[in-house]
Amino acid sequence: MTTHGPVMPIWSCGGCDLPWPCPTRKRELRAEYADAPVSLALYLGSFLVQATEDMPWAPAGVLHRRFLGWVRAADRSTPAVQQGCTATVPAEPS
């Protein structure tokens, strides 16, 4: 069990008093969800929703970066999957 849990409604870290999730908790979460990045994003998304209710004065972009922005950056070792359609271009007439 970590001591770096959120202290609500101010969303500071109970272990180090930094904004939660603090660097220590981020490392712990990366390790815990190493094989499940989508689950990590969903887990943190639920905290983002709670934090927006507790801190309505905080800009949405700031909270998004704080709770979710670092998750994708941590997962850069996985190649990105491109979605969309593949267009074919007809050959030019000669």
C-alpha atoms as a PDB file:
ATOM      1  CA  MET A   1       0.000   0.000   0.000  1.00  0.00           C
ATOM      2  CA  THR A   2       1.359   3.388  -0.936  1.00  0.00           C
ATOM      3  CA  THR A   3       1.448   6.430   1.289  1.00  0.00           C
ATOM      4  CA  HIS A   4       1.192   8.566  -1.842  1.00  0.00           C
ATOM      5  CA  GLY A   5      -2.584   8.604  -2.084  1.00  0.00           C
ATOM      6  CA  PRO A   6      -4.705  11.660  -2.836  1.00  0.00           C
ATOM      7  CA  VAL A   7      -5.873  13.964  -0.054  1.00  0.00           C
ATOM      8  CA  MET A   8      -9.258  15.208  -1.149  1.00  0.00           C
ATOM      9  CA  PRO A   9     -10.732  17.703  -1.835  1.00  0.00           C
ATOM     10  CA  ILE A  10      -7.449  19.564  -2.341  1.00  0.00           C
ATOM     11  CA  TRP A  11      -5.837  16.725  -4.346  1.00  0.00           C
ATOM     12  CA  SER A  12      -2.426  16.880  -2.750  1.00  0.00           C
ATOM     13  CA  CYS A  13      -0.336  13.798  -2.061  1.00  0.00           C
ATOM     14  CA  GLY A  14      -0.641  12.291   1.395  1.00  0.00           C
ATOM     15  CA  GLY A  15       2.977  11.166   1.277  1.00  0.00           C
ATOM     16  CA  CYS A  16       4.865  14.198   0.008  1.00  0.00           C
ATOM     17  CA  ASP A  17       2.280  17.027  -0.182  1.00  0.00           C
ATOM     18  CA  LEU A  18       2.880  17.609  -3.911  1.00  0.00           C
ATOM     19  CA  PRO A  19      -0.053  17.823  -6.322  1.00  0.00           C
ATOM     20  CA  TRP A  20      -1.491  14.349  -6.797  1.00  0.00           C
ATOM     21  CA  PRO A  21      -0.536  12.227  -8.633  1.00  0.00           C
ATOM     22  CA  CYS A  22       2.984  13.032  -7.508  1.00  0.00           C
ATOM     23  CA  PRO A  23       6.085  11.713  -9.297  1.00  0.00           C
ATOM     24  CA  THR A  24       6.366   8.796  -6.853  1.00  0.00           C
ATOM     25  CA  ARG A  25       2.752   7.748  -7.377  1.00  0.00           C
ATOM     26  CA  LYS A  26       3.139   8.074 -11.145  1.00  0.00           C
ATOM     27  CA  ARG A  27       6.096   5.652 -11.022  1.00  0.00           C
ATOM     28  CA  GLU A  28       4.079   3.258  -8.883  1.00  0.00           C
ATOM     29  CA  LEU A  29       1.096   3.439 -11.215  1.00  0.00           C
ATOM     30  CA  ARG A  30       3.282   2.907 -14.309  1.00  0.00           C
ATOM     31  CA  ALA A  31       4.676  -0.246 -12.723  1.00  0.00           C
ATOM     32  CA  GLU A  32       1.294  -1.471 -11.501  1.00  0.00           C
ATOM     33  CA  TYR A  33      -0.405  -0.939 -14.879  1.00  0.00           C
ATOM     34  CA  ALA A  34       2.594  -1.723 -17.103  1.00  0.00           C
ATOM     35  CA  ASP A  35       0.611  -4.224 -19.164  1.00  0.00           C
ATOM     36  CA  ALA A  36      -2.697  -2.345 -19.030  1.00  0.00           C
ATOM     37  CA  PRO A  37      -2.306   1.290 -20.161  1.00  0.00           C
ATOM     38  CA  VAL A  38      -5.998   1.613 -21.058  1.00  0.00           C
ATOM     39  CA  SER A  39      -6.982   0.472 -17.576  1.00  0.00           C
ATOM     40  CA  LEU A  40      -4.601   3.040 -16.108  1.00  0.00           C
ATOM     41  CA  ALA A  41      -6.181   5.783 -18.210  1.00  0.00           C
ATOM     42  CA  LEU A  42      -9.680   4.731 -17.121  1.00  0.00           C
ATOM     43  CA  TYR A  43      -8.607   4.598 -13.475  1.00  0.00           C
ATOM     44  CA  LEU A  44      -7.075   8.066 -13.635  1.00  0.00           C
ATOM     45  CA  GLY A  45     -10.014   9.369 -15.651  1.00  0.00           C
ATOM     46  CA  SER A  46     -12.289   8.573 -12.730  1.00  0.00           C
ATOM     47  CA  PHE A  47     -10.036  10.647 -10.494  1.00  0.00           C
ATOM     48  CA  LEU A  48     -10.082  13.453 -13.070  1.00  0.00           C
ATOM     49  CA  VAL A  49     -13.877  13.548 -12.881  1.00  0.00           C
ATOM     50  CA  GLN A  50     -13.771  13.753  -9.075  1.00  0.00           C
ATOM     51  CA  ALA A  51     -11.086  16.443  -9.164  1.00  0.00           C
ATOM     52  CA  THR A  52     -13.084  18.610 -11.581  1.00  0.00           C
ATOM     53  CA  GLU A  53     -15.982  18.492  -9.118  1.00  0.00           C
ATOM     54  CA  ASP A  54     -13.717  19.351  -6.166  1.00  0.00           C
ATOM     55  CA  MET A  55     -11.767  22.076  -7.990  1.00  0.00           C
ATOM     56  CA  PRO A  56     -14.175  23.847 -10.361  1.00  0.00           C
ATOM     57  CA  TRP A  57     -11.839  26.864 -10.529  1.00  0.00           C
ATOM     58  CA  ALA A  58      -9.011  24.813 -12.080  1.00  0.00           C
ATOM     59  CA  PRO A  59      -8.765  24.977 -15.887  1.00  0.00           C
ATOM     60  CA  ALA A  60      -9.832  21.738 -17.547  1.00  0.00           C
ATOM     61  CA  GLY A  61      -6.641  21.517 -19.613  1.00  0.00           C
ATOM     62  CA  VAL A  62      -4.462  21.792 -16.519  1.00  0.00           C
ATOM     63  CA  LEU A  63      -6.362  19.025 -14.775  1.00  0.00           C
ATOM     64  CA  HIS A  64      -6.301  16.842 -17.874  1.00  0.00           C
ATOM     65  CA  ARG A  65      -2.516  17.165 -18.176  1.00  0.00           C
ATOM     66  CA  ARG A  66      -2.106  16.517 -14.458  1.00  0.00           C
ATOM     67  CA  PHE A  67      -4.230  13.373 -14.327  1.00  0.00           C
ATOM     68  CA  LEU A  68      -3.987  11.925 -17.828  1.00  0.00           C
ATOM     69  CA  GLY A  69      -1.401  13.815 -19.876  1.00  0.00           C
ATOM     70  CA  TRP A  70       1.531  11.877 -18.490  1.00  0.00           C
ATOM     71  CA  VAL A  71      -0.008   8.454 -19.149  1.00  0.00           C
ATOM     72  CA  ARG A  72       0.404   8.553 -22.893  1.00  0.00           C
ATOM     73  CA  ALA A  73       3.911   9.980 -22.642  1.00  0.00           C
ATOM     74  CA  ALA A  74       4.872   7.001 -20.491  1.00  0.00           C
ATOM     75  CA  ASP A  75       3.538   4.601 -23.116  1.00  0.00           C
ATOM     76  CA  ARG A  76       5.651   5.866 -26.038  1.00  0.00           C
ATOM     77  CA  SER A  77       7.542   2.591 -26.218  1.00  0.00           C
ATOM     78  CA  THR A  78       4.435   1.055 -27.809  1.00  0.00           C
ATOM     79  CA  PRO A  79       4.100   1.869 -31.500  1.00  0.00           C
ATOM     80  CA  ALA A  80       1.123   4.025 -32.319  1.00  0.00           C
ATOM     81  CA  VAL A  81      -1.654   2.444 -34.327  1.00  0.00           C
ATOM     82  CA  GLN A  82      -2.897   4.620 -37.134  1.00  0.00           C
ATOM     83  CA  GLN A  83      -6.576   4.515 -37.840  1.00  0.00           C
ATOM     84  CA  GLY A  84      -8.335   5.691 -40.933  1.00  0.00           C
ATOM     85  CA  CYS A  85      -8.863   4.683 -44.481  1.00  0.00           C
ATOM     86  CA  THR A  86      -6.260   4.020 -47.084  1.00  0.00           C
ATOM     87  CA  ALA A  87      -6.771   6.022 -50.222  1.00  0.00           C
ATOM     88  CA  THR A  88      -5.568   4.850 -53.568  1.00  0.00           C
ATOM     89  CA  VAL A  89      -4.546   7.342 -56.166  1.00  0.00           C
ATOM     90  CA  PRO A  90      -5.268   6.400 -59.770  1.00  0.00           C
ATOM     91  CA  ALA A  91      -2.281   6.312 -62.046  1.00  0.00           C
ATOM     92  CA  GLU A  92      -1.860   9.307 -64.285  1.00  0.00           C
ATOM     93  CA  PRO A  93      -2.725   8.687 -67.914  1.00  0.00           C
ATOM     94  CA  SER A  94       0.338   8.483 -70.127  1.00  0.00           C
END
